[in-house]
Protein backbone atom coordinates (compact mmCIF):
# COMPACT_ATOMS: atom_id res chain seq x y z
CA MET A 1 -22.59 -21.28 12.77
CA SER A 2 -25.09 -20.85 15.56
CA THR A 3 -26.05 -18.27 18.12
CA THR A 4 -25.82 -18.68 21.87
CA THR A 5 -29.37 -20.04 21.82
CA GLY A 6 -28.32 -22.85 19.49
CA MET A 7 -30.30 -21.47 16.56
CA PRO A 8 -28.41 -21.34 13.26
CA LEU A 9 -27.00 -17.99 12.22
CA THR A 10 -28.02 -17.23 8.66
CA ASP A 11 -25.67 -15.73 6.10
CA ALA A 12 -27.75 -12.53 6.07
CA ALA A 13 -27.67 -12.25 9.86
CA TRP A 14 -23.87 -12.67 9.90
CA LEU A 15 -23.44 -10.01 7.23
CA THR A 16 -25.66 -7.67 9.23
CA MET A 17 -23.59 -8.29 12.36
CA VAL A 18 -20.29 -7.65 10.60
CA HIS A 19 -21.48 -4.41 9.03
CA GLN A 20 -22.93 -3.04 12.28
CA THR A 21 -21.28 0.05 13.70
CA GLU A 22 -18.85 -0.83 16.47
CA SER A 23 -20.11 -0.01 19.96
CA GLU A 24 -18.40 3.03 21.47
CA ASP A 25 -19.18 1.88 25.01
CA PRO A 26 -15.76 1.92 26.78
CA ASP A 27 -16.54 -1.24 28.77
CA HIS A 28 -17.58 -3.08 25.59
CA ILE A 29 -14.30 -2.16 23.91
CA LEU A 30 -12.31 -3.16 27.00
CA VAL A 31 -14.01 -6.56 27.07
CA LEU A 32 -13.27 -7.27 23.40
CA ASP A 33 -9.66 -6.16 23.78
CA GLY A 34 -9.20 -8.27 26.90
CA ALA A 35 -10.91 -11.29 25.38
CA LEU A 36 -8.74 -11.11 22.26
CA ASP A 37 -5.59 -11.01 24.40
CA ALA A 38 -6.79 -14.01 26.39
CA PHE A 39 -7.72 -15.98 23.27
CA LEU A 40 -4.26 -15.35 21.86
CA ASP A 41 -2.60 -16.53 25.07
CA PHE A 42 -4.84 -19.44 26.07
CA GLY A 43 -7.09 -20.23 23.11
CA ILE A 44 -10.86 -20.04 23.25
CA ARG A 45 -11.60 -23.27 25.13
CA ARG A 46 -9.24 -22.51 28.02
CA THR A 47 -10.34 -18.89 28.43
CA SER A 48 -12.90 -18.35 31.17
CA MET A 49 -15.22 -15.42 31.72
CA GLY A 50 -13.20 -14.70 34.86
CA GLU A 51 -10.03 -14.39 32.79
CA ILE A 52 -11.82 -12.11 30.31
CA ALA A 53 -13.00 -9.87 33.17
CA LYS A 54 -9.46 -9.79 34.58
CA ARG A 55 -7.88 -8.93 31.23
CA SER A 56 -10.54 -6.31 30.57
CA ALA A 57 -10.20 -4.64 33.96
CA VAL A 58 -13.96 -4.77 34.43
CA SER A 59 -15.93 -6.47 37.18
CA PRO A 60 -17.62 -9.81 36.49
CA ALA A 61 -20.95 -8.08 37.06
CA THR A 62 -20.16 -5.53 34.35
CA LEU A 63 -19.05 -8.28 32.00
CA TYR A 64 -22.26 -10.28 32.46
CA ARG A 65 -24.40 -7.17 32.03
CA ARG A 66 -23.05 -6.85 28.51
CA PHE A 67 -22.57 -10.52 27.54
CA ARG A 68 -24.66 -13.45 28.73
CA GLY A 69 -21.76 -15.88 28.37
CA LYS A 70 -18.48 -16.64 26.67
CA ASP A 71 -20.16 -17.59 23.38
CA GLU A 72 -21.45 -14.05 23.03
CA VAL A 73 -17.97 -12.67 23.70
CA VAL A 74 -16.50 -15.02 21.08
CA TRP A 75 -19.08 -13.86 18.54
CA ALA A 76 -18.38 -10.22 19.31
CA VAL A 77 -14.62 -10.67 18.96
CA GLY A 78 -15.12 -12.58 15.69
CA ARG A 79 -17.41 -9.87 14.34
CA ARG A 80 -14.90 -7.16 15.18
CA GLU A 81 -11.99 -9.12 13.68
CA ALA A 82 -13.96 -9.64 10.46
CA SER A 83 -14.76 -5.92 10.30
CA ARG A 84 -11.13 -5.04 10.91
CA PHE A 85 -10.02 -7.43 8.18
CA ILE A 86 -12.36 -5.79 5.67
CA ALA A 87 -11.18 -2.33 6.71
CA GLN A 88 -7.56 -3.43 6.32
CA VAL A 89 -8.21 -4.74 2.82
CA ASP A 90 -10.08 -1.56 1.90
CA ALA A 91 -7.21 0.60 3.12
CA SER A 92 -4.71 -1.31 0.97
CA ILE A 93 -6.55 -0.60 -2.29
CA ASP A 94 -6.08 2.74 -4.02
CA ALA A 95 -9.44 3.37 -5.66
CA ALA A 96 -7.77 5.83 -8.05
CA ALA A 97 -5.26 3.25 -9.34
CA ASP A 98 -5.71 1.32 -12.58
CA VAL A 99 -7.84 -1.80 -12.46
CA ASP A 100 -4.98 -4.32 -12.63
CA ALA A 101 -3.20 -2.63 -9.74
CA GLN A 102 -6.41 -2.71 -7.69
CA ILE A 103 -6.93 -6.42 -8.34
CA ALA A 104 -3.33 -7.17 -7.41
CA ALA A 105 -3.65 -5.08 -4.23
CA LEU A 106 -6.85 -6.93 -3.33
CA PHE A 107 -5.19 -10.32 -3.79
CA THR A 108 -2.13 -9.32 -1.77
CA ALA A 109 -4.17 -7.78 1.04
CA CYS A 110 -6.40 -10.85 1.35
CA THR A 111 -3.60 -13.42 1.25
CA ASP A 112 -1.29 -11.44 3.55
CA GLY A 113 -4.15 -10.67 5.91
CA ILE A 114 -5.07 -14.33 6.22
CA ARG A 115 -1.50 -15.53 6.65
CA GLN A 116 -0.70 -12.85 9.23
CA HIS A 117 -3.94 -12.87 11.23
CA ARG A 118 -2.79 -13.77 14.73
CA LEU A 119 -6.02 -15.20 16.14
CA LEU A 120 -6.89 -17.21 13.04
CA GLN A 121 -3.43 -18.72 12.77
CA ARG A 122 -3.33 -19.40 16.52
CA LEU A 123 -6.61 -21.31 16.40
CA LEU A 124 -5.70 -23.24 13.27
CA ALA A 125 -2.48 -24.37 14.97
CA THR A 126 -3.75 -25.13 18.47
CA GLU A 127 -7.56 -25.47 18.37
CA PRO A 128 -8.47 -26.75 14.91
CA GLU A 129 -11.52 -28.49 16.40
CA VAL A 130 -12.89 -25.03 17.27
CA ILE A 131 -12.13 -23.09 14.08
CA LEU A 132 -12.23 -25.69 11.29
CA PRO A 133 -15.98 -26.37 11.46
CA LEU A 134 -16.61 -22.61 11.23
CA LEU A 135 -14.54 -22.47 8.03
CA THR A 136 -15.79 -25.70 6.41
CA ILE A 137 -19.09 -27.48 7.09
CA GLN A 138 -20.46 -24.44 8.95
CA GLY A 139 -18.60 -21.93 6.80
CA GLY A 140 -21.57 -20.51 4.89
CA PRO A 141 -21.57 -17.14 6.71
CA VAL A 142 -17.81 -16.71 6.23
CA LEU A 143 -18.15 -17.51 2.53
CA ALA A 144 -21.11 -15.11 2.30
CA LEU A 145 -19.01 -12.34 3.83
CA GLY A 146 -16.24 -12.84 1.26
CA ARG A 147 -18.73 -13.08 -1.59
CA ASP A 148 -20.53 -9.93 -0.45
CA TYR A 149 -17.31 -7.93 -0.21
CA LEU A 150 -15.89 -9.15 -3.53
CA SER A 151 -19.20 -8.60 -5.32
CA SER A 152 -19.12 -4.98 -4.18
CA PHE A 153 -15.50 -4.66 -5.32
CA ILE A 154 -16.32 -6.05 -8.77
CA GLY A 155 -19.47 -3.92 -9.02
CA ARG A 156 -17.51 -0.75 -8.26
CA LEU A 157 -15.05 -1.48 -11.05
CA GLN A 158 -17.91 -2.29 -13.42
CA VAL A 159 -19.60 1.04 -12.68
CA ARG A 160 -16.30 2.77 -13.40
CA GLY A 161 -16.10 0.96 -16.74
CA ASP A 162 -12.95 -0.99 -15.86
CA LEU A 163 -14.65 -4.39 -16.01
CA PRO A 164 -17.28 -5.65 -18.46
CA ALA A 165 -20.86 -6.27 -17.41
CA PHE A 166 -21.48 -9.70 -15.88
CA GLU A 167 -23.14 -11.13 -12.79
CA PRO A 168 -20.49 -10.58 -10.10
CA GLU A 169 -21.65 -13.02 -7.44
CA PRO A 170 -20.52 -16.33 -9.04
CA VAL A 171 -17.04 -14.96 -9.75
CA ALA A 172 -16.92 -13.37 -6.30
CA GLU A 173 -17.75 -16.74 -4.74
CA LEU A 174 -14.94 -18.48 -6.65
CA LEU A 175 -12.47 -15.87 -5.41
CA ALA A 176 -13.82 -16.14 -1.85
CA ARG A 177 -13.42 -19.92 -1.95
CA LEU A 178 -9.83 -19.45 -3.12
CA ALA A 179 -9.12 -17.16 -0.17
CA LEU A 180 -10.77 -19.62 2.22
CA SER A 181 -8.68 -22.51 0.89
CA MET A 182 -5.54 -20.45 1.45
CA ALA A 183 -6.57 -19.99 5.08
CA LEU A 184 -6.95 -23.74 5.53
CA LEU A 185 -3.90 -24.78 3.46
CA PRO A 186 -1.30 -22.03 3.90
CA GLY A 187 1.57 -23.75 2.04
CA SER A 188 1.60 -22.54 -1.56
CA CYS A 189 3.71 -22.27 -4.70
CA LEU A 190 1.99 -18.98 -5.53
CA PRO A 191 4.38 -15.98 -5.68
CA LEU A 192 3.31 -14.50 -2.37
CA GLY A 193 5.45 -11.74 -0.93
CA ASP A 194 6.97 -10.52 -4.20
CA ALA A 195 4.97 -7.61 -5.58
CA PRO A 196 6.00 -7.81 -9.27
CA SER A 197 5.41 -11.57 -9.35
CA VAL A 198 2.04 -11.19 -7.65
CA HIS A 199 1.03 -8.52 -10.15
CA ALA A 200 2.03 -10.73 -13.09
CA PHE A 201 0.25 -13.77 -11.61
CA VAL A 202 -2.94 -11.84 -10.94
CA ALA A 203 -2.92 -10.25 -14.41
CA ARG A 204 -2.48 -13.62 -16.16
CA HIS A 205 -4.65 -15.90 -14.05
CA LEU A 206 -7.16 -13.91 -12.00
CA GLY A 207 -7.67 -10.95 -14.34
CA PRO A 208 -9.32 -13.09 -17.06
CA MET A 209 -11.85 -14.36 -14.49
CA LEU A 210 -12.90 -10.74 -14.14
CA GLY A 211 -13.07 -10.09 -17.86
CA ARG A 212 -9.60 -8.61 -18.22
CA PRO A 213 -7.55 -9.48 -21.34
CA VAL A 214 -4.75 -12.01 -20.96
CA PRO A 215 -1.39 -10.19 -21.06
CA THR A 216 0.77 -10.84 -24.10
CA GLY A 217 4.49 -10.69 -24.64
CA ASP A 218 5.61 -12.16 -21.30
């Protein structure tokens, strides 16, 4: 990934961007909403700054005061979508539930969120040349985001005593790579969409990666 200046965006810089507080400037919000609508209708390549201004109901002058060009708008939309995805996953997990239920909820939220994300699925279907490099050869920041989030999730359960002590980052990276592969290759024999089957799958196959005992008697 790179910035509008062509300089590479480091993993740390991407994480900082994603975790930044969303701007409350009404025009900024209007631009991101309008740009997202346009990207969904036309894709990124075919969306012009003029179309973004039109969808946002702001003047071109206002748009260019806040964003130097379309690349900056794309980055801002991507940052907000990543933040929303994380918030959606967080909201799906009951921190008071038992550990196995939390792991199953995490898996379901991530897989469902990826499969149902409108912009991601739109770009994968119609503009793979735009999105695939950002998820593969330039996918370090995306992988770092997943690893960072999952490391925090594992660490929270370790502090609570629900998982044994181990270095969370390597396991978090394996899980993040699994989620990324599911974004790129959506067809799967995994029991997606059936809560009891997902719970059983996670308990038997993903739980042991996190130090959970393998279930017996099933």
